[in-house]
Amino acid sequence: MAVDDTVSNLDILSEFLKSYIVIETTSGKEALNVPIIFITTKNDENSIEKAYDMGGADYITKPFLPKELLSRVKKELNI
């Protein structure tokens, strides 16, 4: 599942994850029962800690490398 409030970002993520079945949504509520990988421009310690405190499974900062994204998604799917 890919969640973002910007549809164009969802399109980009889905393209990178095209080897998977991706469900796109702009609603965070729909993603509450799956592992969450935060992808954000925020790279300060407080933002990272907050993401993990909120239950995030992983954290990637933008701009991200496609191989990094695929690797972290694969890791979460294997767990």
C-alpha atoms as a PDB file:
ATOM      1  CA  MET A   1       0.000   0.000   0.000  1.00  0.00           C
ATOM      2  CA  ALA A   2       1.308   3.434  -0.913  1.00  0.00           C
ATOM      3  CA  VAL A   3      -0.059   6.424   1.009  1.00  0.00           C
ATOM      4  CA  ASP A   4       0.542  10.064   0.135  1.00  0.00           C
ATOM      5  CA  ASP A   5      -1.563  13.188   0.059  1.00  0.00           C
ATOM      6  CA  THR A   6      -0.211  13.973  -3.413  1.00  0.00           C
ATOM      7  CA  VAL A   7      -1.427  11.729  -6.231  1.00  0.00           C
ATOM      8  CA  SER A   8       1.665  12.382  -8.371  1.00  0.00           C
ATOM      9  CA  ASN A   9       3.856  11.015  -5.551  1.00  0.00           C
ATOM     10  CA  LEU A  10       1.721   7.885  -5.474  1.00  0.00           C
ATOM     11  CA  ASP A  11       2.227   7.461  -9.211  1.00  0.00           C
ATOM     12  CA  ILE A  12       6.014   7.695  -8.771  1.00  0.00           C
ATOM     13  CA  LEU A  13       6.048   5.183  -5.909  1.00  0.00           C
ATOM     14  CA  SER A  14       3.865   2.766  -7.846  1.00  0.00           C
ATOM     15  CA  GLU A  15       6.211   2.977 -10.816  1.00  0.00           C
ATOM     16  CA  PHE A  16       9.211   2.105  -8.615  1.00  0.00           C
ATOM     17  CA  LEU A  17       7.245  -0.744  -7.044  1.00  0.00           C
ATOM     18  CA  LYS A  18       5.803  -2.051 -10.313  1.00  0.00           C
ATOM     19  CA  SER A  19       6.924  -5.606  -9.550  1.00  0.00           C
ATOM     20  CA  TYR A  20       4.437  -5.597  -6.636  1.00  0.00           C
ATOM     21  CA  ILE A  21       0.696  -5.152  -6.471  1.00  0.00           C
ATOM     22  CA  VAL A  22       0.365  -1.638  -5.042  1.00  0.00           C
ATOM     23  CA  ILE A  23      -2.802  -0.218  -3.551  1.00  0.00           C
ATOM     24  CA  GLU A  24      -2.722   3.577  -3.658  1.00  0.00           C
ATOM     25  CA  THR A  25      -4.548   5.785  -1.164  1.00  0.00           C
ATOM     26  CA  THR A  26      -4.469   9.331   0.108  1.00  0.00           C
ATOM     27  CA  SER A  27      -5.984   8.261   3.441  1.00  0.00           C
ATOM     28  CA  GLY A  28      -3.631   7.454   6.297  1.00  0.00           C
ATOM     29  CA  LYS A  29      -6.479   5.683   8.116  1.00  0.00           C
ATOM     30  CA  GLU A  30      -6.487   2.961   5.458  1.00  0.00           C
ATOM     31  CA  ALA A  31      -2.833   2.156   6.186  1.00  0.00           C
ATOM     32  CA  LEU A  32      -3.080   1.692   9.944  1.00  0.00           C
ATOM     33  CA  ASN A  33      -2.927  -2.154   9.821  1.00  0.00           C
ATOM     34  CA  VAL A  34       0.173  -2.567   7.636  1.00  0.00           C
ATOM     35  CA  PRO A  35       3.893  -1.899   8.291  1.00  0.00           C
ATOM     36  CA  ILE A  36       4.577   1.754   7.526  1.00  0.00           C
ATOM     37  CA  ILE A  37       7.728   2.974   5.798  1.00  0.00           C
ATOM     38  CA  PHE A  38       7.925   6.744   6.092  1.00  0.00           C
ATOM     39  CA  ILE A  39       9.281   8.502   2.986  1.00  0.00           C
ATOM     40  CA  THR A  40       9.861  12.166   3.728  1.00  0.00           C
ATOM     41  CA  THR A  41      12.172  15.131   3.307  1.00  0.00           C
ATOM     42  CA  LYS A  42      12.428  15.488   7.078  1.00  0.00           C
ATOM     43  CA  ASN A  43      15.770  14.138   8.258  1.00  0.00           C
ATOM     44  CA  ASP A  44      16.051  15.669  11.718  1.00  0.00           C
ATOM     45  CA  GLU A  45      16.315  13.444  14.769  1.00  0.00           C
ATOM     46  CA  ASN A  46      12.953  14.521  16.225  1.00  0.00           C
ATOM     47  CA  SER A  47      11.034  13.653  13.043  1.00  0.00           C
ATOM     48  CA  ILE A  48      12.720  10.263  12.779  1.00  0.00           C
ATOM     49  CA  GLU A  49      12.034   9.450  16.439  1.00  0.00           C
ATOM     50  CA  LYS A  50       8.410  10.579  16.107  1.00  0.00           C
ATOM     51  CA  ALA A  51       7.895   8.306  13.082  1.00  0.00           C
ATOM     52  CA  TYR A  52       9.190   5.280  14.969  1.00  0.00           C
ATOM     53  CA  ASP A  53       7.244   6.248  18.104  1.00  0.00           C
ATOM     54  CA  MET A  54       4.084   6.335  15.972  1.00  0.00           C
ATOM     55  CA  GLY A  55       4.745   2.736  14.917  1.00  0.00           C
ATOM     56  CA  GLY A  56       6.709   3.212  11.727  1.00  0.00           C
ATOM     57  CA  ALA A  57       8.572   0.121  10.526  1.00  0.00           C
ATOM     58  CA  ASP A  58      11.222   2.051   8.564  1.00  0.00           C
ATOM     59  CA  TYR A  59      12.193   5.572   7.478  1.00  0.00           C
ATOM     60  CA  ILE A  60      13.571   6.788   4.145  1.00  0.00           C
ATOM     61  CA  THR A  61      14.506  10.370   3.352  1.00  0.00           C
ATOM     62  CA  LYS A  62      13.887  12.074   0.018  1.00  0.00           C
ATOM     63  CA  PRO A  63      15.358  12.019  -2.470  1.00  0.00           C
ATOM     64  CA  PHE A  64      15.557   8.249  -2.146  1.00  0.00           C
ATOM     65  CA  LEU A  65      17.296   5.658  -4.275  1.00  0.00           C
ATOM     66  CA  PRO A  66      14.922   3.251  -6.026  1.00  0.00           C
ATOM     67  CA  LYS A  67      17.035   0.243  -4.962  1.00  0.00           C
ATOM     68  CA  GLU A  68      16.875   1.428  -1.352  1.00  0.00           C
ATOM     69  CA  LEU A  69      13.075   1.637  -1.514  1.00  0.00           C
ATOM     70  CA  LEU A  70      12.772  -1.804  -3.096  1.00  0.00           C
ATOM     71  CA  SER A  71      15.144  -3.322  -0.556  1.00  0.00           C
ATOM     72  CA  ARG A  72      13.236  -1.937   2.412  1.00  0.00           C
ATOM     73  CA  VAL A  73       9.856  -2.954   0.987  1.00  0.00           C
ATOM     74  CA  LYS A  74      11.176  -6.467   0.354  1.00  0.00           C
ATOM     75  CA  LYS A  75      12.495  -6.622   3.932  1.00  0.00           C
ATOM     76  CA  GLU A  76       9.102  -5.666   5.366  1.00  0.00           C
ATOM     77  CA  LEU A  77       7.275  -8.177   3.166  1.00  0.00           C
ATOM     78  CA  ASN A  78       9.628 -10.930   4.350  1.00  0.00           C
ATOM     79  CA  ILE A  79       8.920 -10.116   7.990  1.00  0.00           C
END
